[in-house]
Amino acid sequence: MTQSSTGMRRWVLVGALVVGVATSVAAAPPTAAQAAPYCGIYWGSLPKTAGAMSVAPIINVRAGQHACYDRLVVDLAGPGGGTHVQYVAAVRTQAKGDVLPLRGGAFLRIVVLDPTHNVDTGVLTYRPANRTELVNVTGWRTFRQIAYGGSDEGYTTIGLGVRAHLPFRVFTLPGPGAHSRLVIDVAHRW
């Protein structure tokens, strides 16, 4: 017998011919190894790097909660540059290298390859009101703290404290208009 996606096929000898006859069989439940991932998430937790340096300045950092993940968004005034995002033992500030204190069981270092100022005028485009709490994430399922680690020579560091070492993804969305958005999603669980 061979199994197909619709059931079982039984081979029957009819004279000198072998004929496949479909039978209706309930599919066996998936084993633990075959079980579908949480919310269909296959992101993994390895470092993610994309893009190159850009002069599109950061203008805002915000976050949102979704059914399967928490989302961090970095708004850019132009086409986004690049990013390096990875789990680290401690997030360090840009230029000085001091440890950026973060709450959580695991820490993501987010390095955005975009400045926080207009490169032509030198005017700051992003100045957080509270460097240690860019967004209030109290009570969220995954995020524990979002902190600003500084910006130097076009490299901007953001520390993201999360509940545990969980899968994440990183991508850039165009818009609105000529702007773009860097998105970091961290799953609620594996």
N, C-alpha and C. Protein backbone atom coordinates (compact mmCIF):
# COMPACT_ATOMS: atom_id res chain seq x y z
N MET A 1 0.83 -1.18 0.00
CA MET A 1 0.00 0.00 0.00
C MET A 1 0.87 1.24 0.00
N THR A 2 0.38 2.28 -0.66
CA THR A 2 1.04 3.58 -0.60
C THR A 2 0.03 4.59 -0.12
N GLN A 3 0.52 5.62 0.56
CA GLN A 3 -0.39 6.64 1.08
C GLN A 3 -0.34 7.86 0.18
N SER A 4 -1.50 8.41 -0.14
CA SER A 4 -1.58 9.66 -0.89
C SER A 4 -2.17 10.72 0.02
N SER A 5 -2.26 11.95 -0.48
CA SER A 5 -2.79 13.03 0.34
C SER A 5 -4.29 12.88 0.59
N THR A 6 -4.99 12.08 -0.22
CA THR A 6 -6.43 11.93 -0.04
C THR A 6 -6.80 10.65 0.66
N GLY A 7 -5.89 9.82 0.94
CA GLY A 7 -6.21 8.56 1.61
C GLY A 7 -5.21 7.49 1.22
N MET A 8 -5.66 6.26 1.24
CA MET A 8 -4.79 5.11 0.93
C MET A 8 -5.12 4.60 -0.47
N ARG A 9 -4.14 4.02 -1.08
CA ARG A 9 -4.34 3.37 -2.37
C ARG A 9 -3.96 1.91 -2.16
N ARG A 10 -4.87 1.03 -2.48
CA ARG A 10 -4.62 -0.39 -2.31
C ARG A 10 -4.44 -0.98 -3.70
N TRP A 11 -3.43 -1.80 -3.85
CA TRP A 11 -3.16 -2.41 -5.14
C TRP A 11 -3.85 -3.77 -5.18
N VAL A 12 -4.62 -4.01 -6.25
CA VAL A 12 -5.40 -5.24 -6.36
C VAL A 12 -5.01 -5.93 -7.66
N LEU A 13 -4.80 -7.22 -7.59
CA LEU A 13 -4.46 -8.02 -8.77
C LEU A 13 -5.76 -8.45 -9.43
N VAL A 14 -6.00 -7.99 -10.70
CA VAL A 14 -7.18 -8.35 -11.46
C VAL A 14 -6.67 -9.06 -12.72
N GLY A 15 -6.76 -10.38 -12.72
CA GLY A 15 -6.19 -11.16 -13.82
C GLY A 15 -4.70 -10.93 -13.83
N ALA A 16 -4.13 -10.44 -14.95
CA ALA A 16 -2.71 -10.18 -15.07
C ALA A 16 -2.40 -8.71 -14.82
N LEU A 17 -3.42 -7.91 -14.54
CA LEU A 17 -3.23 -6.47 -14.32
C LEU A 17 -3.21 -6.15 -12.82
N VAL A 18 -2.39 -5.17 -12.47
CA VAL A 18 -2.41 -4.64 -11.11
C VAL A 18 -3.11 -3.30 -11.19
N VAL A 19 -4.16 -3.13 -10.43
CA VAL A 19 -4.98 -1.93 -10.48
C VAL A 19 -4.93 -1.24 -9.12
N GLY A 20 -4.77 0.09 -9.15
CA GLY A 20 -4.81 0.86 -7.90
C GLY A 20 -6.24 1.23 -7.58
N VAL A 21 -6.67 0.92 -6.38
CA VAL A 21 -8.02 1.25 -5.96
C VAL A 21 -7.93 2.19 -4.77
N ALA A 22 -8.54 3.36 -4.88
CA ALA A 22 -8.50 4.33 -3.78
C ALA A 22 -9.44 3.88 -2.68
N THR A 23 -9.00 4.04 -1.47
CA THR A 23 -9.84 3.73 -0.32
C THR A 23 -9.89 4.96 0.56
N SER A 24 -10.93 5.09 1.31
CA SER A 24 -11.08 6.23 2.20
C SER A 24 -10.57 5.85 3.59
N VAL A 25 -9.50 6.53 4.01
CA VAL A 25 -8.92 6.27 5.31
C VAL A 25 -8.68 7.62 5.97
N ALA A 26 -9.04 7.74 7.21
CA ALA A 26 -8.79 8.99 7.94
C ALA A 26 -7.29 9.17 8.12
N ALA A 27 -6.81 10.37 7.88
CA ALA A 27 -5.38 10.65 8.03
C ALA A 27 -5.00 10.57 9.50
N ALA A 28 -3.82 10.00 9.74
CA ALA A 28 -3.33 9.90 11.11
C ALA A 28 -2.94 11.29 11.60
N PRO A 29 -3.16 11.56 12.88
CA PRO A 29 -2.77 12.88 13.39
C PRO A 29 -1.26 13.04 13.30
N PRO A 30 -0.79 14.28 13.12
CA PRO A 30 0.65 14.48 13.00
C PRO A 30 1.36 14.14 14.31
N THR A 31 2.57 13.64 14.17
CA THR A 31 3.38 13.38 15.35
C THR A 31 3.95 14.70 15.82
N ALA A 32 4.59 14.69 16.99
CA ALA A 32 5.17 15.92 17.52
C ALA A 32 6.17 16.52 16.53
N ALA A 33 6.95 15.67 15.86
CA ALA A 33 7.95 16.15 14.91
C ALA A 33 7.30 16.75 13.67
N GLN A 34 6.08 16.33 13.35
CA GLN A 34 5.40 16.83 12.16
C GLN A 34 4.43 17.96 12.46
N ALA A 35 4.21 18.27 13.72
CA ALA A 35 3.23 19.28 14.09
C ALA A 35 3.55 20.63 13.45
N ALA A 36 2.51 21.35 13.12
CA ALA A 36 2.69 22.67 12.51
C ALA A 36 3.34 23.61 13.52
N PRO A 37 4.18 24.53 13.06
CA PRO A 37 4.80 25.47 13.98
C PRO A 37 3.78 26.47 14.51
N TYR A 38 4.12 27.13 15.58
CA TYR A 38 3.27 28.14 16.20
C TYR A 38 2.96 29.22 15.17
N CYS A 39 1.69 29.43 14.88
CA CYS A 39 1.21 30.46 13.94
C CYS A 39 1.85 30.35 12.55
N GLY A 40 2.38 29.20 12.20
CA GLY A 40 3.03 29.05 10.89
C GLY A 40 4.38 29.73 10.80
N ILE A 41 4.99 30.05 11.94
CA ILE A 41 6.25 30.80 11.97
C ILE A 41 7.44 29.85 11.80
N TYR A 42 8.26 30.14 10.79
CA TYR A 42 9.49 29.39 10.52
C TYR A 42 10.70 30.31 10.55
N TRP A 43 10.67 31.39 11.34
CA TRP A 43 11.68 32.43 11.25
C TRP A 43 13.05 32.04 11.77
N GLY A 44 13.13 31.32 12.84
CA GLY A 44 14.41 31.01 13.45
C GLY A 44 14.94 32.18 14.27
N SER A 45 16.11 31.98 14.88
CA SER A 45 16.65 33.01 15.76
C SER A 45 18.11 33.33 15.45
N LEU A 46 18.57 32.94 14.27
CA LEU A 46 19.95 33.26 13.89
C LEU A 46 20.06 34.73 13.48
N PRO A 47 21.29 35.29 13.49
CA PRO A 47 21.47 36.70 13.09
C PRO A 47 20.93 36.95 11.69
N LYS A 48 20.42 38.15 11.49
CA LYS A 48 19.88 38.53 10.19
C LYS A 48 20.51 39.86 9.77
N THR A 49 21.06 39.88 8.55
CA THR A 49 21.73 41.06 8.01
C THR A 49 21.19 41.31 6.61
N ALA A 50 20.92 42.57 6.29
CA ALA A 50 20.42 42.91 4.95
C ALA A 50 20.77 44.35 4.63
N GLY A 51 20.87 44.64 3.35
CA GLY A 51 21.04 46.01 2.88
C GLY A 51 22.41 46.60 3.12
N ALA A 52 22.50 47.89 2.87
CA ALA A 52 23.75 48.64 3.00
C ALA A 52 23.47 49.98 3.65
N MET A 53 24.51 50.73 3.92
CA MET A 53 24.41 52.05 4.54
C MET A 53 23.53 52.96 3.70
N SER A 54 22.75 53.82 4.39
CA SER A 54 21.86 54.76 3.73
C SER A 54 21.93 56.09 4.46
N VAL A 55 21.52 57.16 3.80
CA VAL A 55 21.48 58.47 4.45
C VAL A 55 20.06 58.85 4.84
N ALA A 56 19.09 57.95 4.61
CA ALA A 56 17.71 58.22 5.01
C ALA A 56 17.64 58.22 6.54
N PRO A 57 17.36 59.36 7.15
CA PRO A 57 17.41 59.41 8.61
C PRO A 57 16.21 58.73 9.29
N ILE A 58 16.48 58.23 10.48
CA ILE A 58 15.43 57.68 11.33
C ILE A 58 14.59 58.85 11.84
N ILE A 59 13.26 58.69 11.79
CA ILE A 59 12.39 59.77 12.28
C ILE A 59 11.49 59.32 13.44
N ASN A 60 11.36 58.00 13.65
CA ASN A 60 10.52 57.53 14.74
C ASN A 60 10.79 56.05 15.01
N VAL A 61 10.49 55.64 16.25
CA VAL A 61 10.52 54.23 16.64
C VAL A 61 9.21 53.97 17.35
N ARG A 62 8.52 52.93 16.94
CA ARG A 62 7.22 52.60 17.53
C ARG A 62 7.06 51.09 17.59
N ALA A 63 6.02 50.62 18.24
CA ALA A 63 5.83 49.17 18.39
C ALA A 63 4.35 48.85 18.44
N GLY A 64 4.03 47.59 18.16
CA GLY A 64 2.64 47.14 18.21
C GLY A 64 2.56 45.67 18.59
N GLN A 65 1.39 45.27 19.06
CA GLN A 65 1.15 43.88 19.44
C GLN A 65 0.27 43.21 18.39
N HIS A 66 0.60 41.97 18.06
CA HIS A 66 -0.18 41.18 17.12
C HIS A 66 -0.51 39.84 17.76
N ALA A 67 -1.36 39.06 17.15
CA ALA A 67 -1.80 37.79 17.73
C ALA A 67 -0.65 36.82 17.97
N CYS A 68 0.34 36.80 17.08
CA CYS A 68 1.40 35.81 17.16
C CYS A 68 2.77 36.39 17.49
N TYR A 69 2.90 37.71 17.48
CA TYR A 69 4.22 38.33 17.69
C TYR A 69 4.04 39.78 18.15
N ASP A 70 5.14 40.32 18.70
CA ASP A 70 5.22 41.75 18.97
C ASP A 70 6.08 42.36 17.86
N ARG A 71 5.77 43.61 17.47
CA ARG A 71 6.44 44.23 16.32
C ARG A 71 7.08 45.56 16.72
N LEU A 72 8.33 45.73 16.28
CA LEU A 72 9.05 46.99 16.42
C LEU A 72 9.18 47.59 15.03
N VAL A 73 8.88 48.88 14.89
CA VAL A 73 8.97 49.57 13.60
C VAL A 73 9.87 50.78 13.74
N VAL A 74 10.86 50.89 12.84
CA VAL A 74 11.73 52.07 12.77
C VAL A 74 11.34 52.80 11.49
N ASP A 75 10.81 54.02 11.65
CA ASP A 75 10.39 54.82 10.50
C ASP A 75 11.57 55.61 9.96
N LEU A 76 11.74 55.58 8.62
CA LEU A 76 12.85 56.26 7.95
C LEU A 76 12.31 57.27 6.95
N ALA A 77 12.97 58.42 6.84
CA ALA A 77 12.57 59.46 5.91
C ALA A 77 13.26 59.23 4.56
N GLY A 78 12.94 58.12 3.94
CA GLY A 78 13.53 57.77 2.65
C GLY A 78 13.67 56.27 2.55
N PRO A 79 14.24 55.78 1.43
CA PRO A 79 14.45 54.35 1.28
C PRO A 79 15.42 53.84 2.35
N GLY A 80 15.03 52.77 3.03
CA GLY A 80 15.82 52.23 4.12
C GLY A 80 17.16 51.69 3.69
N GLY A 81 18.09 51.75 4.60
CA GLY A 81 19.42 51.20 4.36
C GLY A 81 19.47 49.74 4.74
N GLY A 82 20.35 49.42 5.64
CA GLY A 82 20.53 48.04 6.02
C GLY A 82 20.38 47.85 7.52
N THR A 83 20.45 46.60 7.92
CA THR A 83 20.33 46.24 9.34
C THR A 83 21.20 45.05 9.67
N HIS A 84 21.56 44.97 10.93
CA HIS A 84 22.17 43.78 11.53
C HIS A 84 21.38 43.55 12.81
N VAL A 85 20.72 42.41 12.92
CA VAL A 85 19.93 42.10 14.11
C VAL A 85 20.33 40.72 14.60
N GLN A 86 20.68 40.65 15.90
CA GLN A 86 21.05 39.35 16.45
C GLN A 86 20.92 39.35 17.97
N TYR A 87 20.76 38.13 18.51
CA TYR A 87 20.77 37.96 19.95
C TYR A 87 22.20 38.10 20.45
N VAL A 88 22.35 38.81 21.56
CA VAL A 88 23.66 39.02 22.16
C VAL A 88 23.53 38.86 23.68
N ALA A 89 24.66 38.65 24.34
CA ALA A 89 24.66 38.55 25.80
C ALA A 89 24.35 39.90 26.42
N ALA A 90 24.80 40.98 25.79
CA ALA A 90 24.52 42.34 26.25
C ALA A 90 24.59 43.28 25.06
N VAL A 91 23.65 44.20 24.98
CA VAL A 91 23.67 45.21 23.93
C VAL A 91 24.58 46.34 24.41
N ARG A 92 25.46 46.79 23.53
CA ARG A 92 26.40 47.87 23.88
C ARG A 92 26.03 49.13 23.12
N THR A 93 26.27 50.26 23.75
CA THR A 93 25.96 51.55 23.13
C THR A 93 26.88 51.80 21.95
N GLN A 94 26.38 52.60 21.01
CA GLN A 94 27.16 52.97 19.83
C GLN A 94 28.31 53.89 20.25
N ALA A 95 29.44 53.71 19.70
CA ALA A 95 30.66 54.50 19.92
C ALA A 95 31.33 54.19 21.25
N LYS A 96 30.68 54.41 22.39
CA LYS A 96 31.32 54.20 23.69
C LYS A 96 31.46 52.73 24.05
N GLY A 97 30.47 51.91 23.71
CA GLY A 97 30.54 50.49 24.01
C GLY A 97 30.11 50.11 25.41
N ASP A 98 29.42 51.03 26.11
CA ASP A 98 28.91 50.71 27.44
C ASP A 98 27.74 49.72 27.31
N VAL A 99 27.53 48.90 28.35
CA VAL A 99 26.39 47.99 28.35
C VAL A 99 25.11 48.80 28.48
N LEU A 100 24.16 48.52 27.61
CA LEU A 100 22.86 49.17 27.63
C LEU A 100 21.94 48.30 28.51
N PRO A 101 21.59 48.77 29.71
CA PRO A 101 20.76 47.94 30.59
C PRO A 101 19.39 47.69 29.97
N LEU A 102 18.98 46.43 29.94
CA LEU A 102 17.69 46.04 29.37
C LEU A 102 17.02 45.01 30.26
N ARG A 103 15.70 45.07 30.35
CA ARG A 103 14.93 44.03 31.02
C ARG A 103 14.67 42.92 30.03
N GLY A 104 14.55 41.69 30.54
CA GLY A 104 14.19 40.57 29.69
C GLY A 104 15.11 39.39 29.89
N GLY A 105 14.71 38.26 29.33
CA GLY A 105 15.50 37.05 29.41
C GLY A 105 16.47 36.89 28.26
N ALA A 106 16.31 37.70 27.20
CA ALA A 106 17.20 37.67 26.05
C ALA A 106 17.22 39.07 25.43
N PHE A 107 18.30 39.36 24.69
CA PHE A 107 18.49 40.72 24.16
C PHE A 107 18.83 40.69 22.68
N LEU A 108 18.08 41.49 21.92
CA LEU A 108 18.37 41.67 20.49
C LEU A 108 19.08 43.00 20.31
N ARG A 109 20.24 42.94 19.65
CA ARG A 109 20.94 44.16 19.25
C ARG A 109 20.50 44.47 17.82
N ILE A 110 19.92 45.64 17.65
CA ILE A 110 19.45 46.08 16.34
C ILE A 110 20.34 47.24 15.92
N VAL A 111 21.11 47.04 14.85
CA VAL A 111 21.94 48.11 14.31
C VAL A 111 21.32 48.50 12.97
N VAL A 112 20.83 49.73 12.93
CA VAL A 112 20.21 50.27 11.72
C VAL A 112 21.28 51.10 11.01
N LEU A 113 21.50 50.83 9.74
CA LEU A 113 22.54 51.53 8.98
C LEU A 113 22.00 52.84 8.39
N ASP A 114 21.41 53.62 9.29
CA ASP A 114 20.85 54.93 8.95
C ASP A 114 21.12 55.85 10.14
N PRO A 115 21.34 57.14 9.89
CA PRO A 115 21.60 58.09 10.97
C PRO A 115 20.32 58.57 11.64
N THR A 116 20.48 59.33 12.71
CA THR A 116 19.34 59.96 13.38
C THR A 116 19.36 61.47 13.15
N HIS A 117 20.00 61.89 12.07
CA HIS A 117 20.07 63.31 11.71
C HIS A 117 20.09 63.44 10.19
N ASN A 118 19.75 64.61 9.71
CA ASN A 118 19.81 64.91 8.29
C ASN A 118 21.29 65.11 7.94
N VAL A 119 21.82 64.32 7.03
CA VAL A 119 23.26 64.39 6.72
C VAL A 119 23.64 65.70 6.03
N ASP A 120 22.70 66.37 5.39
CA ASP A 120 23.00 67.64 4.72
C ASP A 120 23.03 68.82 5.69
N THR A 121 22.09 68.84 6.63
CA THR A 121 21.96 69.98 7.53
C THR A 121 22.51 69.72 8.93
N GLY A 122 22.65 68.44 9.29
CA GLY A 122 23.09 68.10 10.63
C GLY A 122 21.99 68.16 11.68
N VAL A 123 20.78 68.51 11.28
CA VAL A 123 19.66 68.64 12.20
C VAL A 123 19.18 67.25 12.62
N LEU A 124 18.99 67.06 13.93
CA LEU A 124 18.48 65.78 14.44
C LEU A 124 17.08 65.52 13.91
N THR A 125 16.84 64.27 13.49
CA THR A 125 15.52 63.87 13.02
C THR A 125 14.85 62.94 14.01
N TYR A 126 15.64 62.37 14.93
CA TYR A 126 15.07 61.51 15.96
C TYR A 126 15.79 61.77 17.27
N ARG A 127 15.04 62.26 18.22
CA ARG A 127 15.56 62.52 19.56
C ARG A 127 14.54 61.96 20.54
N PRO A 128 14.79 60.74 21.07
CA PRO A 128 13.78 60.14 21.95
C PRO A 128 13.62 60.94 23.25
N ALA A 129 12.38 61.02 23.71
CA ALA A 129 12.08 61.71 24.97
C ALA A 129 12.69 60.95 26.14
N ASN A 130 12.71 59.63 26.05
CA ASN A 130 13.27 58.78 27.10
C ASN A 130 14.11 57.70 26.42
N ARG A 131 15.41 57.79 26.50
CA ARG A 131 16.32 56.86 25.82
C ARG A 131 16.18 55.43 26.32
N THR A 132 15.73 55.24 27.56
CA THR A 132 15.64 53.89 28.12
C THR A 132 14.29 53.23 27.86
N GLU A 133 13.30 54.02 27.45
CA GLU A 133 11.96 53.49 27.16
C GLU A 133 11.44 54.16 25.90
N LEU A 134 11.90 53.70 24.72
CA LEU A 134 11.46 54.32 23.47
C LEU A 134 9.97 54.14 23.28
N VAL A 135 9.45 53.00 23.70
CA VAL A 135 8.02 52.69 23.64
C VAL A 135 7.67 51.99 24.94
N ASN A 136 6.54 52.33 25.52
CA ASN A 136 6.10 51.64 26.73
C ASN A 136 5.53 50.28 26.34
N VAL A 137 6.23 49.21 26.71
CA VAL A 137 5.80 47.85 26.37
C VAL A 137 5.44 47.06 27.63
N THR A 138 5.11 47.75 28.69
CA THR A 138 4.73 47.09 29.93
C THR A 138 3.54 46.17 29.71
N GLY A 139 3.67 44.92 30.13
CA GLY A 139 2.59 43.95 30.02
C GLY A 139 2.48 43.25 28.69
N TRP A 140 3.39 43.51 27.77
CA TRP A 140 3.34 42.85 26.46
C TRP A 140 3.78 41.40 26.59
N ARG A 141 3.36 40.55 25.65
CA ARG A 141 3.67 39.12 25.73
C ARG A 141 5.15 38.82 25.50
N THR A 142 5.81 39.52 24.59
CA THR A 142 7.20 39.22 24.26
C THR A 142 8.15 40.35 24.60
N PHE A 143 7.86 41.57 24.19
CA PHE A 143 8.77 42.70 24.44
C PHE A 143 8.79 43.05 25.93
N ARG A 144 10.00 43.36 26.43
CA ARG A 144 10.15 43.80 27.81
C ARG A 144 10.68 45.24 27.89
N GLN A 145 11.51 45.64 26.91
CA GLN A 145 12.04 47.00 26.92
C GLN A 145 12.66 47.32 25.56
N ILE A 146 12.50 48.57 25.12
CA ILE A 146 13.13 49.06 23.90
C ILE A 146 13.92 50.30 24.30
N ALA A 147 15.23 50.26 24.09
CA ALA A 147 16.10 51.37 24.52
C ALA A 147 16.99 51.83 23.38
N TYR A 148 17.37 53.10 23.46
CA TYR A 148 18.21 53.73 22.44
C TYR A 148 19.67 53.60 22.85
N GLY A 149 20.48 53.03 21.96
CA GLY A 149 21.90 52.85 22.23
C GLY A 149 22.79 53.86 21.55
N GLY A 150 22.21 54.87 20.91
CA GLY A 150 22.99 55.92 20.30
C GLY A 150 23.18 55.75 18.80
N SER A 151 23.72 56.81 18.19
CA SER A 151 23.96 56.82 16.76
C SER A 151 25.30 57.49 16.51
N ASP A 152 26.11 56.89 15.63
CA ASP A 152 27.43 57.43 15.33
C ASP A 152 27.83 57.02 13.92
N GLU A 153 28.18 58.00 13.11
CA GLU A 153 28.64 57.77 11.74
C GLU A 153 27.69 56.90 10.92
N GLY A 154 26.39 57.13 11.10
CA GLY A 154 25.40 56.42 10.32
C GLY A 154 24.97 55.08 10.89
N TYR A 155 25.54 54.65 11.99
CA TYR A 155 25.15 53.41 12.65
C TYR A 155 24.32 53.77 13.87
N THR A 156 23.10 53.25 13.95
CA THR A 156 22.22 53.54 15.09
C THR A 156 21.89 52.23 15.78
N THR A 157 22.08 52.18 17.09
CA THR A 157 21.83 50.97 17.86
C THR A 157 20.56 51.12 18.70
N ILE A 158 19.73 50.08 18.63
CA ILE A 158 18.54 49.98 19.46
C ILE A 158 18.63 48.64 20.19
N GLY A 159 18.40 48.65 21.49
CA GLY A 159 18.37 47.42 22.27
C GLY A 159 16.94 47.00 22.50
N LEU A 160 16.68 45.72 22.27
CA LEU A 160 15.34 45.17 22.47
C LEU A 160 15.42 44.03 23.47
N GLY A 161 14.89 44.25 24.66
CA GLY A 161 14.80 43.19 25.65
C GLY A 161 13.53 42.41 25.43
N VAL A 162 13.65 41.08 25.34
CA VAL A 162 12.49 40.22 25.10
C VAL A 162 12.39 39.17 26.21
N ARG A 163 11.24 38.54 26.30
CA ARG A 163 10.96 37.56 27.35
C ARG A 163 11.96 36.40 27.34
N ALA A 164 12.28 35.89 26.16
CA ALA A 164 13.16 34.72 26.01
C ALA A 164 13.76 34.74 24.61
N HIS A 165 14.69 33.85 24.35
CA HIS A 165 15.32 33.70 23.04
C HIS A 165 14.27 33.08 22.11
N LEU A 166 13.64 33.90 21.28
CA LEU A 166 12.51 33.49 20.46
C LEU A 166 12.78 33.78 18.98
N PRO A 167 12.02 33.15 18.07
CA PRO A 167 12.20 33.43 16.64
C PRO A 167 11.88 34.88 16.31
N PHE A 168 12.62 35.42 15.32
CA PHE A 168 12.35 36.78 14.87
C PHE A 168 12.59 36.89 13.38
N ARG A 169 12.00 37.91 12.79
CA ARG A 169 12.22 38.21 11.37
C ARG A 169 12.44 39.71 11.23
N VAL A 170 13.12 40.08 10.14
CA VAL A 170 13.45 41.48 9.86
C VAL A 170 13.16 41.74 8.39
N PHE A 171 12.46 42.83 8.10
CA PHE A 171 12.21 43.19 6.70
C PHE A 171 11.92 44.68 6.61
N THR A 172 11.95 45.21 5.39
CA THR A 172 11.68 46.62 5.15
C THR A 172 10.44 46.76 4.29
N LEU A 173 9.59 47.70 4.65
CA LEU A 173 8.39 48.00 3.87
C LEU A 173 8.51 49.39 3.26
N PRO A 174 8.12 49.58 2.01
CA PRO A 174 8.13 50.92 1.42
C PRO A 174 6.95 51.73 1.93
N GLY A 175 7.10 53.06 1.91
CA GLY A 175 6.00 53.96 2.22
C GLY A 175 5.89 54.25 3.71
N PRO A 176 5.02 55.16 4.04
CA PRO A 176 4.16 55.89 3.11
C PRO A 176 4.95 56.91 2.30
N GLY A 177 4.51 57.17 1.10
CA GLY A 177 5.20 58.10 0.20
C GLY A 177 6.62 57.65 -0.06
N ALA A 178 7.57 58.56 0.08
CA ALA A 178 8.98 58.25 -0.17
C ALA A 178 9.66 57.64 1.05
N HIS A 179 8.94 57.50 2.14
CA HIS A 179 9.50 56.94 3.37
C HIS A 179 9.57 55.42 3.30
N SER A 180 10.17 54.80 4.32
CA SER A 180 10.18 53.34 4.44
C SER A 180 10.14 52.99 5.92
N ARG A 181 9.91 51.70 6.19
CA ARG A 181 9.80 51.22 7.56
C ARG A 181 10.60 49.94 7.72
N LEU A 182 11.49 49.93 8.69
CA LEU A 182 12.21 48.72 9.08
C LEU A 182 11.36 48.02 10.12
N VAL A 183 11.09 46.73 9.93
CA VAL A 183 10.20 45.98 10.82
C VAL A 183 10.96 44.81 11.43
N ILE A 184 10.83 44.66 12.75
CA ILE A 184 11.38 43.51 13.48
C ILE A 184 10.22 42.88 14.24
N ASP A 185 9.88 41.65 13.88
CA ASP A 185 8.82 40.90 14.57
C ASP A 185 9.48 39.82 15.42
N VAL A 186 9.03 39.69 16.67
CA VAL A 186 9.52 38.63 17.55
C VAL A 186 8.31 37.81 17.99
N ALA A 187 8.37 36.50 17.71
CA ALA A 187 7.25 35.61 18.01
C ALA A 187 6.99 35.51 19.50
N HIS A 188 5.75 35.23 19.86
CA HIS A 188 5.39 35.04 21.26
C HIS A 188 5.97 33.74 21.82
N ARG A 189 6.14 32.75 20.96
CA ARG A 189 6.75 31.48 21.40
C ARG A 189 7.22 30.71 20.18
N TRP A 190 7.92 29.61 20.42
CA TRP A 190 8.40 28.73 19.34
C TRP A 190 7.24 27.94 18.79
